[in-house]
Amino acid sequence: MPRSVLITTSVLVVLAGIAGFWLGQRQVDLDATGIINAVAERYVAEHGGSVTECLGWAGEGASVFQVTCGDVTYQVDRFGTVRIAPEGDL
């Protein structure tokens, strides 16, 4: 095998490894207390009420965490995106 092919292949493997590591680190580290507090602040800003109305638990499937504040349930995915859960999706 020519030396240039070996060097090019080695460089591409190293770059792919670095890119994979960097993209893997972009995933959000979820903390239960932080999630509940952030969602509670959003609930208070959007719907009024109190942060003491919020309760969180582990989710299922794409939803890693769920937080219920009053009559509104929020779902948090593994990237930290928060959305209001549909009525039948609880």
PDB file of N, CA and C in Angstrom:
ATOM      1  N   MET A   1       0.857  -1.170   0.000  1.00  0.00           N
ATOM      2  CA  MET A   1       0.000   0.000   0.000  1.00  0.00           C
ATOM      3  C   MET A   1       0.907   1.239   0.000  1.00  0.00           C
ATOM      4  N   PRO A   2       0.607   2.198  -0.886  1.00  0.00           N
ATOM      5  CA  PRO A   2       1.435   3.407  -0.925  1.00  0.00           C
ATOM      6  C   PRO A   2       1.351   4.182   0.393  1.00  0.00           C
ATOM      7  N   ARG A   3       2.444   4.826   0.717  1.00  0.00           N
ATOM      8  CA  ARG A   3       2.538   5.571   1.973  1.00  0.00           C
ATOM      9  C   ARG A   3       1.504   6.699   2.041  1.00  0.00           C
ATOM     10  N   SER A   4       1.232   7.385   0.946  1.00  0.00           N
ATOM     11  CA  SER A   4       0.277   8.501   0.952  1.00  0.00           C
ATOM     12  C   SER A   4      -1.141   8.021   1.285  1.00  0.00           C
ATOM     13  N   VAL A   5      -1.500   6.829   0.819  1.00  0.00           N
ATOM     14  CA  VAL A   5      -2.818   6.280   1.131  1.00  0.00           C
ATOM     15  C   VAL A   5      -2.920   5.970   2.623  1.00  0.00           C
ATOM     16  N   LEU A   6      -1.866   5.410   3.184  1.00  0.00           N
ATOM     17  CA  LEU A   6      -1.840   5.082   4.607  1.00  0.00           C
ATOM     18  C   LEU A   6      -1.941   6.341   5.468  1.00  0.00           C
ATOM     19  N   ILE A   7      -1.210   7.383   5.104  1.00  0.00           N
ATOM     20  CA  ILE A   7      -1.245   8.645   5.855  1.00  0.00           C
ATOM     21  C   ILE A   7      -2.621   9.289   5.739  1.00  0.00           C
ATOM     22  N   THR A   8      -3.176   9.327   4.537  1.00  0.00           N
ATOM     23  CA  THR A   8      -4.502   9.922   4.333  1.00  0.00           C
ATOM     24  C   THR A   8      -5.568   9.177   5.132  1.00  0.00           C
ATOM     25  N   THR A   9      -5.516   7.848   5.109  1.00  0.00           N
ATOM     26  CA  THR A   9      -6.478   7.047   5.863  1.00  0.00           C
ATOM     27  C   THR A   9      -6.343   7.298   7.356  1.00  0.00           C
ATOM     28  N   SER A  10      -5.108   7.370   7.852  1.00  0.00           N
ATOM     29  CA  SER A  10      -4.873   7.610   9.284  1.00  0.00           C
ATOM     30  C   SER A  10      -5.397   8.979   9.707  1.00  0.00           C
ATOM     31  N   VAL A  11      -5.158   9.982   8.890  1.00  0.00           N
ATOM     32  CA  VAL A  11      -5.635  11.338   9.204  1.00  0.00           C
ATOM     33  C   VAL A  11      -7.161  11.370   9.224  1.00  0.00           C
ATOM     34  N   LEU A  12      -7.800  10.725   8.262  1.00  0.00           N
ATOM     35  CA  LEU A  12      -9.261  10.703   8.227  1.00  0.00           C
ATOM     36  C   LEU A  12      -9.851   9.963   9.430  1.00  0.00           C
ATOM     37  N   VAL A  13      -9.212   8.890   9.866  1.00  0.00           N
ATOM     38  CA  VAL A  13      -9.690   8.156  11.043  1.00  0.00           C
ATOM     39  C   VAL A  13      -9.575   9.022  12.287  1.00  0.00           C
ATOM     40  N   VAL A  14      -8.464   9.723  12.437  1.00  0.00           N
ATOM     41  CA  VAL A  14      -8.274  10.594  13.600  1.00  0.00           C
ATOM     42  C   VAL A  14      -9.297  11.732  13.579  1.00  0.00           C
ATOM     43  N   LEU A  15      -9.514  12.341  12.422  1.00  0.00           N
ATOM     44  CA  LEU A  15     -10.498  13.426  12.320  1.00  0.00           C
ATOM     45  C   LEU A  15     -11.906  12.934  12.623  1.00  0.00           C
ATOM     46  N   ALA A  16     -12.249  11.747  12.152  1.00  0.00           N
ATOM     47  CA  ALA A  16     -13.567  11.185  12.443  1.00  0.00           C
ATOM     48  C   ALA A  16     -13.722  10.920  13.940  1.00  0.00           C
ATOM     49  N   GLY A  17     -12.670  10.441  14.584  1.00  0.00           N
ATOM     50  CA  GLY A  17     -12.718  10.212  16.033  1.00  0.00           C
ATOM     51  C   GLY A  17     -12.897  11.507  16.804  1.00  0.00           C
ATOM     52  N   ILE A  18     -12.171  12.543  16.410  1.00  0.00           N
ATOM     53  CA  ILE A  18     -12.296  13.848  17.080  1.00  0.00           C
ATOM     54  C   ILE A  18     -13.702  14.419  16.868  1.00  0.00           C
ATOM     55  N   ALA A  19     -14.208  14.336  15.639  1.00  0.00           N
ATOM     56  CA  ALA A  19     -15.552  14.843  15.360  1.00  0.00           C
ATOM     57  C   ALA A  19     -16.607  14.075  16.146  1.00  0.00           C
ATOM     58  N   GLY A  20     -16.474  12.764  16.235  1.00  0.00           N
ATOM     59  CA  GLY A  20     -17.424  11.963  17.014  1.00  0.00           C
ATOM     60  C   GLY A  20     -17.400  12.317  18.485  1.00  0.00           C
ATOM     61  N   PHE A  21     -16.212  12.513  19.034  1.00  0.00           N
ATOM     62  CA  PHE A  21     -16.105  12.900  20.443  1.00  0.00           C
ATOM     63  C   PHE A  21     -16.715  14.271  20.675  1.00  0.00           C
ATOM     64  N   TRP A  22     -16.419  15.222  19.782  1.00  0.00           N
ATOM     65  CA  TRP A  22     -16.933  16.582  19.942  1.00  0.00           C
ATOM     66  C   TRP A  22     -18.455  16.603  19.850  1.00  0.00           C
ATOM     67  N   LEU A  23     -19.023  15.901  18.880  1.00  0.00           N
ATOM     68  CA  LEU A  23     -20.480  15.857  18.742  1.00  0.00           C
ATOM     69  C   LEU A  23     -21.130  15.126  19.913  1.00  0.00           C
ATOM     70  N   GLY A  24     -20.468  14.138  20.465  1.00  0.00           N
ATOM     71  CA  GLY A  24     -20.992  13.434  21.628  1.00  0.00           C
ATOM     72  C   GLY A  24     -21.041  14.301  22.865  1.00  0.00           C
ATOM     73  N   GLN A  25     -20.132  15.254  22.973  1.00  0.00           N
ATOM     74  CA  GLN A  25     -20.099  16.152  24.126  1.00  0.00           C
ATOM     75  C   GLN A  25     -21.164  17.236  24.051  1.00  0.00           C
ATOM     76  N   ARG A  26     -21.782  17.406  22.904  1.00  0.00           N
ATOM     77  CA  ARG A  26     -22.811  18.436  22.743  1.00  0.00           C
ATOM     78  C   ARG A  26     -24.129  18.046  23.392  1.00  0.00           C
ATOM     79  N   GLN A  27     -24.283  16.814  23.791  1.00  0.00           N
ATOM     80  CA  GLN A  27     -25.512  16.369  24.442  1.00  0.00           C
ATOM     81  C   GLN A  27     -25.607  17.038  25.811  1.00  0.00           C
ATOM     82  N   VAL A  28     -26.779  17.470  26.182  1.00  0.00           N
ATOM     83  CA  VAL A  28     -26.993  18.188  27.422  1.00  0.00           C
ATOM     84  C   VAL A  28     -26.969  17.219  28.596  1.00  0.00           C
ATOM     85  N   ASP A  29     -26.296  17.615  29.669  1.00  0.00           N
ATOM     86  CA  ASP A  29     -26.288  16.827  30.892  1.00  0.00           C
ATOM     87  C   ASP A  29     -27.502  17.246  31.721  1.00  0.00           C
ATOM     88  N   LEU A  30     -28.450  16.337  31.883  1.00  0.00           N
ATOM     89  CA  LEU A  30     -29.703  16.668  32.552  1.00  0.00           C
ATOM     90  C   LEU A  30     -29.612  16.409  34.051  1.00  0.00           C
ATOM     91  N   ASP A  31     -30.041  17.387  34.838  1.00  0.00           N
ATOM     92  CA  ASP A  31     -30.082  17.300  36.287  1.00  0.00           C
ATOM     93  C   ASP A  31     -31.542  17.482  36.695  1.00  0.00           C
ATOM     94  N   ALA A  32     -32.067  16.556  37.489  1.00  0.00           N
ATOM     95  CA  ALA A  32     -33.503  16.559  37.818  1.00  0.00           C
ATOM     96  C   ALA A  32     -33.936  17.865  38.478  1.00  0.00           C
ATOM     97  N   THR A  33     -33.186  18.338  39.445  1.00  0.00           N
ATOM     98  CA  THR A  33     -33.561  19.580  40.135  1.00  0.00           C
ATOM     99  C   THR A  33     -33.518  20.764  39.188  1.00  0.00           C
ATOM    100  N   GLY A  34     -32.490  20.824  38.361  1.00  0.00           N
ATOM    101  CA  GLY A  34     -32.377  21.914  37.398  1.00  0.00           C
ATOM    102  C   GLY A  34     -33.499  21.908  36.379  1.00  0.00           C
ATOM    103  N   ILE A  35     -33.884  20.704  35.953  1.00  0.00           N
ATOM    104  CA  ILE A  35     -34.984  20.585  34.983  1.00  0.00           C
ATOM    105  C   ILE A  35     -36.287  21.080  35.593  1.00  0.00           C
ATOM    106  N   ILE A  36     -36.588  20.615  36.798  1.00  0.00           N
ATOM    107  CA  ILE A  36     -37.841  21.023  37.447  1.00  0.00           C
ATOM    108  C   ILE A  36     -37.863  22.529  37.648  1.00  0.00           C
ATOM    109  N   ASN A  37     -36.760  23.106  38.103  1.00  0.00           N
ATOM    110  CA  ASN A  37     -36.705  24.553  38.322  1.00  0.00           C
ATOM    111  C   ASN A  37     -36.869  25.328  37.016  1.00  0.00           C
ATOM    112  N   ALA A  38     -36.210  24.888  35.950  1.00  0.00           N
ATOM    113  CA  ALA A  38     -36.315  25.588  34.665  1.00  0.00           C
ATOM    114  C   ALA A  38     -37.725  25.509  34.109  1.00  0.00           C
ATOM    115  N   VAL A  39     -38.339  24.327  34.180  1.00  0.00           N
ATOM    116  CA  VAL A  39     -39.701  24.167  33.671  1.00  0.00           C
ATOM    117  C   VAL A  39     -40.682  24.945  34.545  1.00  0.00           C
ATOM    118  N   ALA A  40     -40.456  24.966  35.853  1.00  0.00           N
ATOM    119  CA  ALA A  40     -41.331  25.730  36.756  1.00  0.00           C
ATOM    120  C   ALA A  40     -41.266  27.220  36.446  1.00  0.00           C
ATOM    121  N   GLU A  41     -40.072  27.726  36.163  1.00  0.00           N
ATOM    122  CA  GLU A  41     -39.943  29.136  35.794  1.00  0.00           C
ATOM    123  C   GLU A  41     -40.674  29.422  34.484  1.00  0.00           C
ATOM    124  N   ARG A  42     -40.571  28.508  33.536  1.00  0.00           N
ATOM    125  CA  ARG A  42     -41.297  28.672  32.271  1.00  0.00           C
ATOM    126  C   ARG A  42     -42.798  28.658  32.517  1.00  0.00           C
ATOM    127  N   TYR A  43     -43.271  27.742  33.353  1.00  0.00           N
ATOM    128  CA  TYR A  43     -44.701  27.645  33.669  1.00  0.00           C
ATOM    129  C   TYR A  43     -45.203  28.944  34.290  1.00  0.00           C
ATOM    130  N   VAL A  44     -44.467  29.478  35.247  1.00  0.00           N
ATOM    131  CA  VAL A  44     -44.877  30.720  35.907  1.00  0.00           C
ATOM    132  C   VAL A  44     -44.916  31.866  34.897  1.00  0.00           C
ATOM    133  N   ALA A  45     -43.929  31.923  33.999  1.00  0.00           N
ATOM    134  CA  ALA A  45     -43.890  32.995  33.003  1.00  0.00           C
ATOM    135  C   ALA A  45     -45.037  32.885  31.998  1.00  0.00           C
ATOM    136  N   GLU A  46     -45.396  31.656  31.617  1.00  0.00           N
ATOM    137  CA  GLU A  46     -46.428  31.474  30.595  1.00  0.00           C
ATOM    138  C   GLU A  46     -47.849  31.429  31.152  1.00  0.00           C
ATOM    139  N   HIS A  47     -48.026  30.787  32.315  1.00  0.00           N
ATOM    140  CA  HIS A  47     -49.375  30.527  32.814  1.00  0.00           C
ATOM    141  C   HIS A  47     -49.671  31.157  34.172  1.00  0.00           C
ATOM    142  N   GLY A  48     -48.700  31.806  34.777  1.00  0.00           N
ATOM    143  CA  GLY A  48     -48.894  32.302  36.130  1.00  0.00           C
ATOM    144  C   GLY A  48     -48.763  31.151  37.105  1.00  0.00           C
ATOM    145  N   GLY A  49     -49.305  31.281  38.262  1.00  0.00           N
ATOM    146  CA  GLY A  49     -49.235  30.184  39.226  1.00  0.00           C
ATOM    147  C   GLY A  49     -47.972  30.260  40.068  1.00  0.00           C
ATOM    148  N   SER A  50     -47.632  29.154  40.683  1.00  0.00           N
ATOM    149  CA  SER A  50     -46.501  29.094  41.603  1.00  0.00           C
ATOM    150  C   SER A  50     -45.575  27.951  41.213  1.00  0.00           C
ATOM    151  N   VAL A  51     -44.293  28.108  41.515  1.00  0.00           N
ATOM    152  CA  VAL A  51     -43.324  27.051  41.215  1.00  0.00           C
ATOM    153  C   VAL A  51     -43.530  25.835  42.108  1.00  0.00           C
ATOM    154  N   THR A  52     -44.234  25.996  43.221  1.00  0.00           N
ATOM    155  CA  THR A  52     -44.466  24.867  44.132  1.00  0.00           C
ATOM    156  C   THR A  52     -45.507  23.889  43.584  1.00  0.00           C
ATOM    157  N   GLU A  53     -46.180  24.252  42.476  1.00  0.00           N
ATOM    158  CA  GLU A  53     -47.170  23.371  41.857  1.00  0.00           C
ATOM    159  C   GLU A  53     -46.530  22.306  40.977  1.00  0.00           C
ATOM    160  N   CYS A  54     -45.220  22.361  40.773  1.00  0.00           N
ATOM    161  CA  CYS A  54     -44.545  21.502  39.800  1.00  0.00           C
ATOM    162  C   CYS A  54     -43.983  20.238  40.440  1.00  0.00           C
ATOM    163  N   LEU A  55     -44.146  19.135  39.708  1.00  0.00           N
ATOM    164  CA  LEU A  55     -43.675  17.824  40.145  1.00  0.00           C
ATOM    165  C   LEU A  55     -43.077  17.122  38.930  1.00  0.00           C
ATOM    166  N   GLY A  56     -41.884  16.534  39.083  1.00  0.00           N
ATOM    167  CA  GLY A  56     -41.224  15.898  37.950  1.00  0.00           C
ATOM    168  C   GLY A  56     -40.955  14.430  38.189  1.00  0.00           C
ATOM    169  N   TRP A  57     -40.849  13.667  37.091  1.00  0.00           N
ATOM    170  CA  TRP A  57     -40.534  12.239  37.160  1.00  0.00           C
ATOM    171  C   TRP A  57     -39.889  11.811  35.851  1.00  0.00           C
ATOM    172  N   ALA A  58     -39.296  10.616  35.841  1.00  0.00           N
ATOM    173  CA  ALA A  58     -38.645  10.090  34.640  1.00  0.00           C
ATOM    174  C   ALA A  58     -39.676   9.824  33.555  1.00  0.00           C
ATOM    175  N   GLY A  59     -39.303  10.100  32.315  1.00  0.00           N
ATOM    176  CA  GLY A  59     -40.209   9.909  31.193  1.00  0.00           C
ATOM    177  C   GLY A  59     -39.993   8.568  30.516  1.00  0.00           C
ATOM    178  N   GLU A  60     -40.658   8.397  29.390  1.00  0.00           N
ATOM    179  CA  GLU A  60     -40.557   7.178  28.598  1.00  0.00           C
ATOM    180  C   GLU A  60     -40.298   7.539  27.150  1.00  0.00           C
ATOM    181  N   GLY A  61     -39.586   6.671  26.441  1.00  0.00           N
ATOM    182  CA  GLY A  61     -39.328   6.879  25.022  1.00  0.00           C
ATOM    183  C   GLY A  61     -38.456   8.093  24.784  1.00  0.00           C
ATOM    184  N   ALA A  62     -38.886   8.972  23.885  1.00  0.00           N
ATOM    185  CA  ALA A  62     -38.114  10.170  23.547  1.00  0.00           C
ATOM    186  C   ALA A  62     -38.107  11.187  24.677  1.00  0.00           C
ATOM    187  N   SER A  63     -39.070  11.105  25.566  1.00  0.00           N
ATOM    188  CA  SER A  63     -39.151  12.010  26.702  1.00  0.00           C
ATOM    189  C   SER A  63     -38.334  11.433  27.863  1.00  0.00           C
ATOM    190  N   VAL A  64     -37.239  12.098  28.189  1.00  0.00           N
ATOM    191  CA  VAL A  64     -36.372  11.628  29.269  1.00  0.00           C
ATOM    192  C   VAL A  64     -36.944  12.027  30.627  1.00  0.00           C
ATOM    193  N   PHE A  65     -37.640  13.147  30.661  1.00  0.00           N
ATOM    194  CA  PHE A  65     -38.163  13.671  31.917  1.00  0.00           C
ATOM    195  C   PHE A  65     -39.500  14.337  31.651  1.00  0.00           C
ATOM    196  N   GLN A  66     -40.424  14.233  32.601  1.00  0.00           N
ATOM    197  CA  GLN A  66     -41.717  14.908  32.496  1.00  0.00           C
ATOM    198  C   GLN A  66     -41.942  15.721  33.765  1.00  0.00           C
ATOM    199  N   VAL A  67     -42.499  16.909  33.581  1.00  0.00           N
ATOM    200  CA  VAL A  67     -42.790  17.797  34.700  1.00  0.00           C
ATOM    201  C   VAL A  67     -44.231  18.259  34.564  1.00  0.00           C
ATOM    202  N   THR A  68     -45.012  18.087  35.625  1.00  0.00           N
ATOM    203  CA  THR A  68     -46.396  18.556  35.645  1.00  0.00           C
ATOM    204  C   THR A  68     -46.486  19.763  36.571  1.00  0.00           C
ATOM    205  N   CYS A  69     -47.000  20.848  36.031  1.00  0.00           N
ATOM    206  CA  CYS A  69     -47.224  22.075  36.794  1.00  0.00           C
ATOM    207  C   CYS A  69     -48.701  22.415  36.643  1.00  0.00           C
ATOM    208  N   GLY A  70     -49.447  22.322  37.731  1.00  0.00           N
ATOM    209  CA  GLY A  70     -50.883  22.556  37.652  1.00  0.00           C
ATOM    210  C   GLY A  70     -51.513  21.515  36.751  1.00  0.00           C
ATOM    211  N   ASP A  71     -52.156  21.961  35.671  1.00  0.00           N
ATOM    212  CA  ASP A  71     -52.785  21.030  34.738  1.00  0.00           C
ATOM    213  C   ASP A  71     -52.006  20.905  33.422  1.00  0.00           C
ATOM    214  N   VAL A  72     -50.770  21.415  33.383  1.00  0.00           N
ATOM    215  CA  VAL A  72     -49.933  21.371  32.184  1.00  0.00           C
ATOM    216  C   VAL A  72     -48.777  20.397  32.416  1.00  0.00           C
ATOM    217  N   THR A  73     -48.564  19.482  31.466  1.00  0.00           N
ATOM    218  CA  THR A  73     -47.444  18.542  31.558  1.00  0.00           C
ATOM    219  C   THR A  73     -46.437  18.865  30.461  1.00  0.00           C
ATOM    220  N   TYR A  74     -45.180  19.034  30.870  1.00  0.00           N
ATOM    221  CA  TYR A  74     -44.092  19.316  29.948  1.00  0.00           C
ATOM    222  C   TYR A  74     -43.236  18.062  29.789  1.00  0.00           C
ATOM    223  N   GLN A  75     -42.705  17.849  28.582  1.00  0.00           N
ATOM    224  CA  GLN A  75     -41.787  16.747  28.323  1.00  0.00           C
ATOM    225  C   GLN A  75     -40.429  17.329  27.939  1.00  0.00           C
ATOM    226  N   VAL A  76     -39.362  16.741  28.483  1.00  0.00           N
ATOM    227  CA  VAL A  76     -38.002  17.180  28.204  1.00  0.00           C
ATOM    228  C   VAL A  76     -37.275  16.030  27.520  1.00  0.00           C
ATOM    229  N   ASP A  77     -36.682  16.299  26.344  1.00  0.00           N
ATOM    230  CA  ASP A  77     -35.945  15.243  25.652  1.00  0.00           C
ATOM    231  C   ASP A  77     -34.479  15.250  26.085  1.00  0.00           C
ATOM    232  N   ARG A  78     -33.677  14.361  25.512  1.00  0.00           N
ATOM    233  CA  ARG A  78     -32.295  14.213  25.955  1.00  0.00           C
ATOM    234  C   ARG A  78     -31.422  15.395  25.589  1.00  0.00           C
ATOM    235  N   PHE A  79     -31.882  16.281  24.724  1.00  0.00           N
ATOM    236  CA  PHE A  79     -31.131  17.467  24.365  1.00  0.00           C
ATOM    237  C   PHE A  79     -31.554  18.682  25.189  1.00  0.00           C
ATOM    238  N   GLY A  80     -32.534  18.517  26.074  1.00  0.00           N
ATOM    239  CA  GLY A  80     -32.999  19.609  26.909  1.00  0.00           C
ATOM    240  C   GLY A  80     -34.133  20.407  26.309  1.00  0.00           C
ATOM    241  N   THR A  81     -34.683  19.963  25.198  1.00  0.00           N
ATOM    242  CA  THR A  81     -35.811  20.651  24.570  1.00  0.00           C
ATOM    243  C   THR A  81     -37.084  20.370  25.363  1.00  0.00           C
ATOM    244  N   VAL A  82     -37.801  21.434  25.685  1.00  0.00           N
ATOM    245  CA  VAL A  82     -39.022  21.317  26.480  1.00  0.00           C
ATOM    246  C   VAL A  82     -40.222  21.572  25.578  1.00  0.00           C
ATOM    247  N   ARG A  83     -41.224  20.677  25.666  1.00  0.00           N
ATOM    248  CA  ARG A  83     -42.469  20.875  24.916  1.00  0.00           C
ATOM    249  C   ARG A  83     -43.637  20.471  25.808  1.00  0.00           C
ATOM    250  N   ILE A  84     -44.785  21.041  25.506  1.00  0.00           N
ATOM    251  CA  ILE A  84     -45.997  20.683  26.249  1.00  0.00           C
ATOM    252  C   ILE A  84     -46.499  19.359  25.705  1.00  0.00           C
ATOM    253  N   ALA A  85     -46.784  18.424  26.603  1.00  0.00           N
ATOM    254  CA  ALA A  85     -47.238  17.097  26.196  1.00  0.00           C
ATOM    255  C   ALA A  85     -48.664  17.154  25.685  1.00  0.00           C
ATOM    256  N   PRO A  86     -48.949  16.449  24.605  1.00  0.00           N
ATOM    257  CA  PRO A  86     -50.340  16.351  24.133  1.00  0.00           C
ATOM    258  C   PRO A  86     -51.200  15.650  25.190  1.00  0.00           C
ATOM    259  N   GLU A  87     -52.487  15.879  25.155  1.00  0.00           N
ATOM    260  CA  GLU A  87     -53.411  15.349  26.157  1.00  0.00           C
ATOM    261  C   GLU A  87     -53.354  13.831  26.280  1.00  0.00           C
ATOM    262  N   GLY A  88     -53.319  13.108  25.175  1.00  0.00           N
ATOM    263  CA  GLY A  88     -53.336  11.648  25.218  1.00  0.00           C
ATOM    264  C   GLY A  88     -51.955  11.027  25.409  1.00  0.00           C
ATOM    265  N   ASP A  89     -50.909  11.848  25.562  1.00  0.00           N
ATOM    266  CA  ASP A  89     -49.523  11.365  25.602  1.00  0.00           C
ATOM    267  C   ASP A  89     -48.967  11.354  27.013  1.00  0.00           C
ATOM    268  N   LEU A  90     -49.819  11.209  28.009  1.00  0.00           N
ATOM    269  CA  LEU A  90     -49.351  11.266  29.404  1.00  0.00           C
ATOM    270  C   LEU A  90     -49.072   9.918  29.960  1.00  0.00           C
TER     271      LEU A  90
END
